[in-house]
């Protein structure tokens, strides 16, 4: 792993970005495993896939984390909104399979 300051050329930068992309995908894989567990619990407990209060809470958390990192929050909120919608769709598909 090289820091951004240690990268001497675009090949170094691209290698580090690719490494980070792999790590992000591994984290997203873990996140999906939690989504699958949530779908099972929600189905058992009669909860809907979409819980608007939780959606709002997650998006608020992401905005706060982005701001704390010195990043413009909106692009990250938008990305997380896509993640959330994909998670809700996955949960709804699980519910349909179980019917």
PDB file of N, CA and C in Angstrom:
ATOM      1  N   UNK A   1       0.840  -1.184   0.000  1.00  0.00           N
ATOM      2  CA  UNK A   1       0.000   0.000   0.000  1.00  0.00           C
ATOM      3  C   UNK A   1       0.881   1.242   0.000  1.00  0.00           C
ATOM      4  N   UNK A   2       0.600   2.135  -0.914  1.00  0.00           N
ATOM      5  CA  UNK A   2       1.327   3.406  -0.987  1.00  0.00           C
ATOM      6  C   UNK A   2       0.370   4.532  -0.607  1.00  0.00           C
ATOM      7  N   UNK A   3       0.896   5.529   0.056  1.00  0.00           N
ATOM      8  CA  UNK A   3       0.096   6.725   0.306  1.00  0.00           C
ATOM      9  C   UNK A   3       0.000   7.502  -0.998  1.00  0.00           C
ATOM     10  N   UNK A   4      -1.001   8.377  -1.126  1.00  0.00           N
ATOM     11  CA  UNK A   4      -1.086   9.190  -2.349  1.00  0.00           C
ATOM     12  C   UNK A   4       0.203   9.967  -2.621  1.00  0.00           C
ATOM     13  N   UNK A   5       0.859  10.421  -1.563  1.00  0.00           N
ATOM     14  CA  UNK A   5       2.086  11.194  -1.733  1.00  0.00           C
ATOM     15  C   UNK A   5       3.247  10.329  -2.218  1.00  0.00           C
ATOM     16  N   UNK A   6       3.181   9.010  -1.969  1.00  0.00           N
ATOM     17  CA  UNK A   6       4.248   8.108  -2.394  1.00  0.00           C
ATOM     18  C   UNK A   6       4.090   7.636  -3.832  1.00  0.00           C
ATOM     19  N   UNK A   7       2.946   7.913  -4.436  1.00  0.00           N
ATOM     20  CA  UNK A   7       2.721   7.501  -5.823  1.00  0.00           C
ATOM     21  C   UNK A   7       3.513   8.412  -6.752  1.00  0.00           C
ATOM     22  N   UNK A   8       4.290   7.785  -7.617  1.00  0.00           N
ATOM     23  CA  UNK A   8       5.180   8.545  -8.500  1.00  0.00           C
ATOM     24  C   UNK A   8       4.612   8.739  -9.898  1.00  0.00           C
ATOM     25  N   UNK A   9       3.583   7.947 -10.259  1.00  0.00           N
ATOM     26  CA  UNK A   9       3.050   8.023 -11.611  1.00  0.00           C
ATOM     27  C   UNK A   9       1.604   7.521 -11.602  1.00  0.00           C
ATOM     28  N   UNK A  10       0.968   7.603 -12.768  1.00  0.00           N
ATOM     29  CA  UNK A  10      -0.428   7.190 -12.864  1.00  0.00           C
ATOM     30  C   UNK A  10      -0.596   5.692 -12.637  1.00  0.00           C
ATOM     31  N   UNK A  11       0.394   4.896 -12.997  1.00  0.00           N
ATOM     32  CA  UNK A  11       0.311   3.452 -12.746  1.00  0.00           C
ATOM     33  C   UNK A  11       0.214   3.182 -11.249  1.00  0.00           C
ATOM     34  N   UNK A  12       0.997   3.900 -10.454  1.00  0.00           N
ATOM     35  CA  UNK A  12       0.929   3.761  -8.990  1.00  0.00           C
ATOM     36  C   UNK A  12      -0.459   4.162  -8.481  1.00  0.00           C
ATOM     37  N   UNK A  13      -0.948   5.300  -8.966  1.00  0.00           N
ATOM     38  CA  UNK A  13      -2.270   5.786  -8.543  1.00  0.00           C
ATOM     39  C   UNK A  13      -3.342   4.756  -8.892  1.00  0.00           C
ATOM     40  N   UNK A  14      -3.309   4.273 -10.134  1.00  0.00           N
ATOM     41  CA  UNK A  14      -4.328   3.315 -10.591  1.00  0.00           C
ATOM     42  C   UNK A  14      -4.265   2.018  -9.795  1.00  0.00           C
ATOM     43  N   UNK A  15      -3.073   1.564  -9.480  1.00  0.00           N
ATOM     44  CA  UNK A  15      -2.938   0.335  -8.688  1.00  0.00           C
ATOM     45  C   UNK A  15      -3.561   0.516  -7.307  1.00  0.00           C
ATOM     46  N   UNK A  16      -3.358   1.665  -6.705  1.00  0.00           N
ATOM     47  CA  UNK A  16      -3.922   1.925  -5.375  1.00  0.00           C
ATOM     48  C   UNK A  16      -5.439   2.077  -5.439  1.00  0.00           C
ATOM     49  N   UNK A  17      -5.924   2.738  -6.474  1.00  0.00           N
ATOM     50  CA  UNK A  17      -7.384   2.864  -6.628  1.00  0.00           C
ATOM     51  C   UNK A  17      -8.002   1.489  -6.844  1.00  0.00           C
ATOM     52  N   UNK A  18      -7.363   0.653  -7.663  1.00  0.00           N
ATOM     53  CA  UNK A  18      -7.871  -0.703  -7.876  1.00  0.00           C
ATOM     54  C   UNK A  18      -7.868  -1.502  -6.569  1.00  0.00           C
ATOM     55  N   UNK A  19      -6.827  -1.332  -5.766  1.00  0.00           N
ATOM     56  CA  UNK A  19      -6.753  -2.012  -4.466  1.00  0.00           C
ATOM     57  C   UNK A  19      -7.903  -1.562  -3.570  1.00  0.00           C
ATOM     58  N   UNK A  20      -8.148  -0.259  -3.544  1.00  0.00           N
ATOM     59  CA  UNK A  20      -9.251   0.269  -2.735  1.00  0.00           C
ATOM     60  C   UNK A  20     -10.605  -0.205  -3.257  1.00  0.00           C
ATOM     61  N   UNK A  21     -10.762  -0.256  -4.577  1.00  0.00           N
ATOM     62  CA  UNK A  21     -12.016  -0.743  -5.154  1.00  0.00           C
ATOM     63  C   UNK A  21     -12.276  -2.189  -4.739  1.00  0.00           C
ATOM     64  N   UNK A  22     -11.229  -3.000  -4.728  1.00  0.00           N
ATOM     65  CA  UNK A  22     -11.376  -4.393  -4.283  1.00  0.00           C
ATOM     66  C   UNK A  22     -11.804  -4.441  -2.824  1.00  0.00           C
ATOM     67  N   UNK A  23     -11.179  -3.623  -1.993  1.00  0.00           N
ATOM     68  CA  UNK A  23     -11.536  -3.584  -0.569  1.00  0.00           C
ATOM     69  C   UNK A  23     -12.971  -3.100  -0.379  1.00  0.00           C
ATOM     70  N   UNK A  24     -13.375  -2.096  -1.150  1.00  0.00           N
ATOM     71  CA  UNK A  24     -14.753  -1.600  -1.060  1.00  0.00           C
ATOM     72  C   UNK A  24     -15.753  -2.678  -1.454  1.00  0.00           C
ATOM     73  N   UNK A  25     -15.448  -3.442  -2.502  1.00  0.00           N
ATOM     74  CA  UNK A  25     -16.347  -4.516  -2.919  1.00  0.00           C
ATOM     75  C   UNK A  25     -16.449  -5.592  -1.841  1.00  0.00           C
ATOM     76  N   UNK A  26     -15.346  -5.869  -1.178  1.00  0.00           N
ATOM     77  CA  UNK A  26     -15.386  -6.843  -0.089  1.00  0.00           C
ATOM     78  C   UNK A  26     -16.269  -6.332   1.054  1.00  0.00           C
ATOM     79  N   UNK A  27     -16.193  -5.058   1.354  1.00  0.00           N
ATOM     80  CA  UNK A  27     -17.061  -4.473   2.375  1.00  0.00           C
ATOM     81  C   UNK A  27     -18.517  -4.490   1.934  1.00  0.00           C
ATOM     82  N   UNK A  28     -18.769  -4.211   0.665  1.00  0.00           N
ATOM     83  CA  UNK A  28     -20.142  -4.258   0.165  1.00  0.00           C
ATOM     84  C   UNK A  28     -20.691  -5.681   0.212  1.00  0.00           C
ATOM     85  N   UNK A  29     -19.844  -6.658  -0.047  1.00  0.00           N
ATOM     86  CA  UNK A  29     -20.263  -8.059   0.072  1.00  0.00           C
ATOM     87  C   UNK A  29     -20.701  -8.355   1.508  1.00  0.00           C
ATOM     88  N   UNK A  30     -19.951  -7.854   2.470  1.00  0.00           N
ATOM     89  CA  UNK A  30     -20.326  -8.028   3.872  1.00  0.00           C
ATOM     90  C   UNK A  30     -21.640  -7.303   4.174  1.00  0.00           C
ATOM     91  N   UNK A  31     -21.796  -6.116   3.628  1.00  0.00           N
ATOM     92  CA  UNK A  31     -23.020  -5.343   3.850  1.00  0.00           C
ATOM     93  C   UNK A  31     -24.241  -6.103   3.329  1.00  0.00           C
ATOM     94  N   UNK A  32     -24.081  -6.723   2.153  1.00  0.00           N
ATOM     95  CA  UNK A  32     -25.178  -7.495   1.576  1.00  0.00           C
ATOM     96  C   UNK A  32     -25.529  -8.690   2.459  1.00  0.00           C
ATOM     97  N   UNK A  33     -24.553  -9.298   3.079  1.00  0.00           N
ATOM     98  CA  UNK A  33     -24.833 -10.409   3.997  1.00  0.00           C
ATOM     99  C   UNK A  33     -25.716  -9.924   5.156  1.00  0.00           C
ATOM    100  N   UNK A  34     -25.468  -8.723   5.639  1.00  0.00           N
ATOM    101  CA  UNK A  34     -26.319  -8.153   6.696  1.00  0.00           C
ATOM    102  C   UNK A  34     -27.710  -7.821   6.156  1.00  0.00           C
ATOM    103  N   UNK A  35     -27.781  -7.373   4.915  1.00  0.00           N
ATOM    104  CA  UNK A  35     -29.083  -7.105   4.293  1.00  0.00           C
ATOM    105  C   UNK A  35     -29.886  -8.401   4.211  1.00  0.00           C
ATOM    106  N   UNK A  36     -29.224  -9.492   3.814  1.00  0.00           N
ATOM    107  CA  UNK A  36     -29.911 -10.779   3.734  1.00  0.00           C
ATOM    108  C   UNK A  36     -30.413 -11.222   5.111  1.00  0.00           C
ATOM    109  N   UNK A  37     -29.607 -11.020   6.131  1.00  0.00           N
ATOM    110  CA  UNK A  37     -30.036 -11.357   7.498  1.00  0.00           C
ATOM    111  C   UNK A  37     -31.205 -10.471   7.916  1.00  0.00           C
ATOM    112  N   UNK A  38     -31.150  -9.195   7.552  1.00  0.00           N
ATOM    113  CA  UNK A  38     -32.250  -8.278   7.878  1.00  0.00           C
ATOM    114  C   UNK A  38     -33.538  -8.722   7.201  1.00  0.00           C
ATOM    115  N   UNK A  39     -33.436  -9.172   5.952  1.00  0.00           N
ATOM    116  CA  UNK A  39     -34.622  -9.635   5.232  1.00  0.00           C
ATOM    117  C   UNK A  39     -35.264 -10.813   5.954  1.00  0.00           C
ATOM    118  N   UNK A  40     -34.457 -11.716   6.441  1.00  0.00           N
ATOM    119  CA  UNK A  40     -34.985 -12.870   7.171  1.00  0.00           C
ATOM    120  C   UNK A  40     -35.703 -12.426   8.449  1.00  0.00           C
ATOM    121  N   UNK A  41     -35.087 -11.501   9.176  1.00  0.00           N
ATOM    122  CA  UNK A  41     -35.682 -11.014  10.426  1.00  0.00           C
ATOM    123  C   UNK A  41     -36.952 -10.224  10.141  1.00  0.00           C
ATOM    124  N   UNK A  42     -36.897  -9.361   9.126  1.00  0.00           N
ATOM    125  CA  UNK A  42     -38.075  -8.564   8.779  1.00  0.00           C
ATOM    126  C   UNK A  42     -39.230  -9.469   8.353  1.00  0.00           C
ATOM    127  N   UNK A  43     -38.937 -10.495   7.557  1.00  0.00           N
ATOM    128  CA  UNK A  43     -39.986 -11.432   7.131  1.00  0.00           C
ATOM    129  C   UNK A  43     -40.586 -12.139   8.347  1.00  0.00           C
ATOM    130  N   UNK A  44     -39.745 -12.576   9.236  1.00  0.00           N
ATOM    131  CA  UNK A  44     -40.197 -13.261  10.445  1.00  0.00           C
ATOM    132  C   UNK A  44     -41.072 -12.357  11.312  1.00  0.00           C
ATOM    133  N   UNK A  45     -40.659 -11.080  11.412  1.00  0.00           N
ATOM    134  CA  UNK A  45     -41.333 -10.144  12.312  1.00  0.00           C
ATOM    135  C   UNK A  45     -42.437  -9.344  11.622  1.00  0.00           C
ATOM    136  N   UNK A  46     -42.672  -9.592  10.342  1.00  0.00           N
ATOM    137  CA  UNK A  46     -43.724  -8.891   9.619  1.00  0.00           C
ATOM    138  C   UNK A  46     -43.415  -7.430   9.347  1.00  0.00           C
ATOM    139  N   UNK A  47     -42.135  -7.109   9.208  1.00  0.00           N
ATOM    140  CA  UNK A  47     -41.727  -5.732   8.915  1.00  0.00           C
ATOM    141  C   UNK A  47     -41.566  -5.548   7.412  1.00  0.00           C
ATOM    142  N   UNK A  48     -41.812  -4.343   6.920  1.00  0.00           N
ATOM    143  CA  UNK A  48     -41.605  -4.093   5.486  1.00  0.00           C
ATOM    144  C   UNK A  48     -40.110  -3.941   5.180  1.00  0.00           C
ATOM    145  N   UNK A  49     -39.786  -4.104   3.908  1.00  0.00           N
ATOM    146  CA  UNK A  49     -38.393  -3.900   3.488  1.00  0.00           C
ATOM    147  C   UNK A  49     -37.987  -2.442   3.690  1.00  0.00           C
ATOM    148  N   UNK A  50     -38.866  -1.523   3.334  1.00  0.00           N
ATOM    149  CA  UNK A  50     -38.566  -0.091   3.439  1.00  0.00           C
ATOM    150  C   UNK A  50     -39.030   0.432   4.799  1.00  0.00           C
ATOM    151  N   UNK A  51     -38.069   0.884   5.576  1.00  0.00           N
ATOM    152  CA  UNK A  51     -38.357   1.549   6.845  1.00  0.00           C
ATOM    153  C   UNK A  51     -37.833   2.976   6.707  1.00  0.00           C
ATOM    154  N   UNK A  52     -38.730   3.891   6.387  1.00  0.00           N
ATOM    155  CA  UNK A  52     -38.321   5.257   6.035  1.00  0.00           C
ATOM    156  C   UNK A  52     -37.503   5.939   7.119  1.00  0.00           C
ATOM    157  N   UNK A  53     -37.826   5.696   8.385  1.00  0.00           N
ATOM    158  CA  UNK A  53     -37.032   6.297   9.462  1.00  0.00           C
ATOM    159  C   UNK A  53     -35.581   5.829   9.403  1.00  0.00           C
ATOM    160  N   UNK A  54     -35.392   4.536   9.098  1.00  0.00           N
ATOM    161  CA  UNK A  54     -34.036   3.989   9.009  1.00  0.00           C
ATOM    162  C   UNK A  54     -33.317   4.534   7.779  1.00  0.00           C
ATOM    163  N   UNK A  55     -34.023   4.659   6.669  1.00  0.00           N
ATOM    164  CA  UNK A  55     -33.424   5.247   5.462  1.00  0.00           C
ATOM    165  C   UNK A  55     -32.923   6.652   5.781  1.00  0.00           C
ATOM    166  N   UNK A  56     -33.767   7.448   6.411  1.00  0.00           N
ATOM    167  CA  UNK A  56     -33.376   8.811   6.775  1.00  0.00           C
ATOM    168  C   UNK A  56     -32.177   8.821   7.715  1.00  0.00           C
ATOM    169  N   UNK A  57     -32.173   7.891   8.667  1.00  0.00           N
ATOM    170  CA  UNK A  57     -31.073   7.814   9.630  1.00  0.00           C
ATOM    171  C   UNK A  57     -29.751   7.479   8.934  1.00  0.00           C
ATOM    172  N   UNK A  58     -29.772   6.500   8.044  1.00  0.00           N
ATOM    173  CA  UNK A  58     -28.555   6.100   7.332  1.00  0.00           C
ATOM    174  C   UNK A  58     -28.037   7.253   6.473  1.00  0.00           C
ATOM    175  N   UNK A  59     -28.931   7.921   5.753  1.00  0.00           N
ATOM    176  CA  UNK A  59     -28.498   9.035   4.894  1.00  0.00           C
ATOM    177  C   UNK A  59     -27.946  10.197   5.721  1.00  0.00           C
ATOM    178  N   UNK A  60     -28.551  10.443   6.862  1.00  0.00           N
ATOM    179  CA  UNK A  60     -28.043  11.484   7.758  1.00  0.00           C
ATOM    180  C   UNK A  60     -26.650  11.116   8.282  1.00  0.00           C
ATOM    181  N   UNK A  61     -26.478   9.846   8.637  1.00  0.00           N
ATOM    182  CA  UNK A  61     -25.162   9.388   9.104  1.00  0.00           C
ATOM    183  C   UNK A  61     -24.105   9.573   8.025  1.00  0.00           C
ATOM    184  N   UNK A  62     -24.453   9.228   6.785  1.00  0.00           N
ATOM    185  CA  UNK A  62     -23.493   9.343   5.682  1.00  0.00           C
ATOM    186  C   UNK A  62     -23.129  10.809   5.444  1.00  0.00           C
ATOM    187  N   UNK A  63     -24.115  11.690   5.481  1.00  0.00           N
ATOM    188  CA  UNK A  63     -23.840  13.123   5.309  1.00  0.00           C
ATOM    189  C   UNK A  63     -22.888  13.608   6.398  1.00  0.00           C
ATOM    190  N   UNK A  64     -23.132  13.188   7.619  1.00  0.00           N
ATOM    191  CA  UNK A  64     -22.271  13.597   8.738  1.00  0.00           C
ATOM    192  C   UNK A  64     -20.855  13.044   8.565  1.00  0.00           C
ATOM    193  N   UNK A  65     -20.739  11.758   8.183  1.00  0.00           N
ATOM    194  CA  UNK A  65     -19.412  11.161   7.978  1.00  0.00           C
ATOM    195  C   UNK A  65     -18.656  11.883   6.863  1.00  0.00           C
ATOM    196  N   UNK A  66     -19.353  12.205   5.782  1.00  0.00           N
ATOM    197  CA  UNK A  66     -18.711  12.915   4.676  1.00  0.00           C
ATOM    198  C   UNK A  66     -18.214  14.281   5.139  1.00  0.00           C
ATOM    199  N   UNK A  67     -19.071  15.006   5.834  1.00  0.00           N
ATOM    200  CA  UNK A  67     -18.671  16.335   6.331  1.00  0.00           C
ATOM    201  C   UNK A  67     -17.463  16.225   7.254  1.00  0.00           C
ATOM    202  N   UNK A  68     -17.479  15.222   8.143  1.00  0.00           N
ATOM    203  CA  UNK A  68     -16.353  15.031   9.065  1.00  0.00           C
ATOM    204  C   UNK A  68     -15.057  14.709   8.333  1.00  0.00           C
ATOM    205  N   UNK A  69     -15.192  14.104   7.148  1.00  0.00           N
ATOM    206  CA  UNK A  69     -14.017  13.772   6.338  1.00  0.00           C
ATOM    207  C   UNK A  69     -13.616  14.920   5.417  1.00  0.00           C
ATOM    208  N   UNK A  70     -14.341  16.035   5.475  1.00  0.00           N
ATOM    209  CA  UNK A  70     -14.029  17.172   4.626  1.00  0.00           C
ATOM    210  C   UNK A  70     -14.516  17.002   3.197  1.00  0.00           C
ATOM    211  N   UNK A  71     -15.531  16.148   3.022  1.00  0.00           N
ATOM    212  CA  UNK A  71     -16.074  15.886   1.692  1.00  0.00           C
ATOM    213  C   UNK A  71     -17.429  16.551   1.534  1.00  0.00           C
ATOM    214  N   UNK A  72     -17.756  16.885   0.305  1.00  0.00           N
ATOM    215  CA  UNK A  72     -19.092  17.392   0.001  1.00  0.00           C
ATOM    216  C   UNK A  72     -20.077  16.236   0.211  1.00  0.00           C
ATOM    217  N   UNK A  73     -21.059  16.377   1.096  1.00  0.00           N
ATOM    218  CA  UNK A  73     -21.928  15.250   1.444  1.00  0.00           C
ATOM    219  C   UNK A  73     -22.820  14.726   0.331  1.00  0.00           C
ATOM    220  N   UNK A  74     -23.335  15.603  -0.528  1.00  0.00           N
ATOM    221  CA  UNK A  74     -24.399  15.178  -1.442  1.00  0.00           C
ATOM    222  C   UNK A  74     -24.032  14.010  -2.354  1.00  0.00           C
ATOM    223  N   UNK A  75     -22.841  13.992  -2.957  1.00  0.00           N
ATOM    224  CA  UNK A  75     -22.530  12.832  -3.807  1.00  0.00           C
ATOM    225  C   UNK A  75     -22.541  11.513  -3.039  1.00  0.00           C
ATOM    226  N   UNK A  76     -22.128  11.549  -1.785  1.00  0.00           N
ATOM    227  CA  UNK A  76     -22.081  10.320  -0.983  1.00  0.00           C
ATOM    228  C   UNK A  76     -23.479   9.931  -0.516  1.00  0.00           C
ATOM    229  N   UNK A  77     -24.290  10.908  -0.191  1.00  0.00           N
ATOM    230  CA  UNK A  77     -25.692  10.633   0.127  1.00  0.00           C
ATOM    231  C   UNK A  77     -26.365  10.001  -1.087  1.00  0.00           C
ATOM    232  N   UNK A  78     -26.093  10.533  -2.273  1.00  0.00           N
ATOM    233  CA  UNK A  78     -26.677   9.976  -3.503  1.00  0.00           C
ATOM    234  C   UNK A  78     -26.219   8.535  -3.724  1.00  0.00           C
ATOM    235  N   UNK A  79     -24.929   8.262  -3.499  1.00  0.00           N
ATOM    236  CA  UNK A  79     -24.428   6.893  -3.652  1.00  0.00           C
ATOM    237  C   UNK A  79     -25.101   5.954  -2.659  1.00  0.00           C
ATOM    238  N   UNK A  80     -25.230   6.417  -1.429  1.00  0.00           N
ATOM    239  CA  UNK A  80     -25.848   5.564  -0.411  1.00  0.00           C
ATOM    240  C   UNK A  80     -27.332   5.362  -0.684  1.00  0.00           C
ATOM    241  N   UNK A  81     -27.965   6.352  -1.256  1.00  0.00           N
ATOM    242  CA  UNK A  81     -29.372   6.177  -1.626  1.00  0.00           C
ATOM    243  C   UNK A  81     -29.505   5.023  -2.620  1.00  0.00           C
ATOM    244  N   UNK A  82     -28.569   4.924  -3.564  1.00  0.00           N
ATOM    245  CA  UNK A  82     -28.561   3.801  -4.500  1.00  0.00           C
ATOM    246  C   UNK A  82     -28.326   2.474  -3.775  1.00  0.00           C
ATOM    247  N   UNK A  83     -27.390   2.465  -2.833  1.00  0.00           N
ATOM    248  CA  UNK A  83     -27.147   1.249  -2.043  1.00  0.00           C
ATOM    249  C   UNK A  83     -28.400   0.833  -1.277  1.00  0.00           C
ATOM    250  N   UNK A  84     -29.053   1.808  -0.689  1.00  0.00           N
ATOM    251  CA  UNK A  84     -30.258   1.526   0.093  1.00  0.00           C
ATOM    252  C   UNK A  84     -31.359   0.982  -0.812  1.00  0.00           C
ATOM    253  N   UNK A  85     -31.555   1.605  -1.962  1.00  0.00           N
ATOM    254  CA  UNK A  85     -32.599   1.132  -2.876  1.00  0.00           C
ATOM    255  C   UNK A  85     -32.295  -0.288  -3.356  1.00  0.00           C
ATOM    256  N   UNK A  86     -31.026  -0.586  -3.606  1.00  0.00           N
ATOM    257  CA  UNK A  86     -30.646  -1.948  -3.995  1.00  0.00           C
ATOM    258  C   UNK A  86     -30.914  -2.922  -2.853  1.00  0.00           C
ATOM    259  N   UNK A  87     -30.655  -2.498  -1.628  1.00  0.00           N
ATOM    260  CA  UNK A  87     -30.903  -3.354  -0.467  1.00  0.00           C
ATOM    261  C   UNK A  87     -32.396  -3.615  -0.295  1.00  0.00           C
ATOM    262  N   UNK A  88     -33.194  -2.584  -0.453  1.00  0.00           N
ATOM    263  CA  UNK A  88     -34.643  -2.735  -0.324  1.00  0.00           C
ATOM    264  C   UNK A  88     -35.167  -3.673  -1.411  1.00  0.00           C
ATOM    265  N   UNK A  89     -34.684  -3.511  -2.626  1.00  0.00           N
ATOM    266  CA  UNK A  89     -35.104  -4.396  -3.717  1.00  0.00           C
ATOM    267  C   UNK A  89     -34.703  -5.842  -3.417  1.00  0.00           C
ATOM    268  N   UNK A  90     -33.534  -6.039  -2.862  1.00  0.00           N
ATOM    269  CA  UNK A  90     -33.073  -7.390  -2.511  1.00  0.00           C
ATOM    270  C   UNK A  90     -33.973  -7.992  -1.437  1.00  0.00           C
ATOM    271  N   UNK A  91     -34.303  -7.193  -0.418  1.00  0.00           N
ATOM    272  CA  UNK A  91     -35.196  -7.677   0.639  1.00  0.00           C
ATOM    273  C   UNK A  91     -36.574  -8.009   0.076  1.00  0.00           C
ATOM    274  N   UNK A  92     -37.105  -7.151  -0.777  1.00  0.00           N
ATOM    275  CA  UNK A  92     -38.430  -7.402  -1.359  1.00  0.00           C
ATOM    276  C   UNK A  92     -38.416  -8.672  -2.210  1.00  0.00           C
ATOM    277  N   UNK A  93     -37.334  -8.927  -2.926  1.00  0.00           N
ATOM    278  CA  UNK A  93     -37.210 -10.164  -3.706  1.00  0.00           C
ATOM    279  C   UNK A  93     -37.195 -11.375  -2.773  1.00  0.00           C
ATOM    280  N   UNK A  94     -36.541 -11.231  -1.642  1.00  0.00           N
ATOM    281  CA  UNK A  94     -36.521 -12.317  -0.648  1.00  0.00           C
ATOM    282  C   UNK A  94     -37.938 -12.587  -0.143  1.00  0.00           C
ATOM    283  N   UNK A  95     -38.676 -11.519   0.152  1.00  0.00           N
ATOM    284  CA  UNK A  95     -40.052 -11.681   0.627  1.00  0.00           C
ATOM    285  C   UNK A  95     -40.898 -12.419  -0.417  1.00  0.00           C
ATOM    286  N   UNK A  96     -40.746 -12.047  -1.691  1.00  0.00           N
ATOM    287  CA  UNK A  96     -41.529 -12.672  -2.750  1.00  0.00           C
ATOM    288  C   UNK A  96     -41.188 -14.151  -2.906  1.00  0.00           C
ATOM    289  N   UNK A  97     -39.899 -14.476  -2.749  1.00  0.00           N
ATOM    290  CA  UNK A  97     -39.484 -15.876  -2.837  1.00  0.00           C
ATOM    291  C   UNK A  97     -40.111 -16.706  -1.721  1.00  0.00           C
ATOM    292  N   UNK A  98     -40.256 -16.074  -0.566  1.00  0.00           N
ATOM    293  CA  UNK A  98     -40.771 -16.803   0.596  1.00  0.00           C
ATOM    294  C   UNK A  98     -42.276 -16.988   0.589  1.00  0.00           C
ATOM    295  N   UNK A  99     -42.974 -16.308  -0.326  1.00  0.00           N
ATOM    296  CA  UNK A  99     -44.445 -16.411  -0.339  1.00  0.00           C
ATOM    297  C   UNK A  99     -44.914 -17.638  -1.067  1.00  0.00           C
TER     298      UNK A  99
END
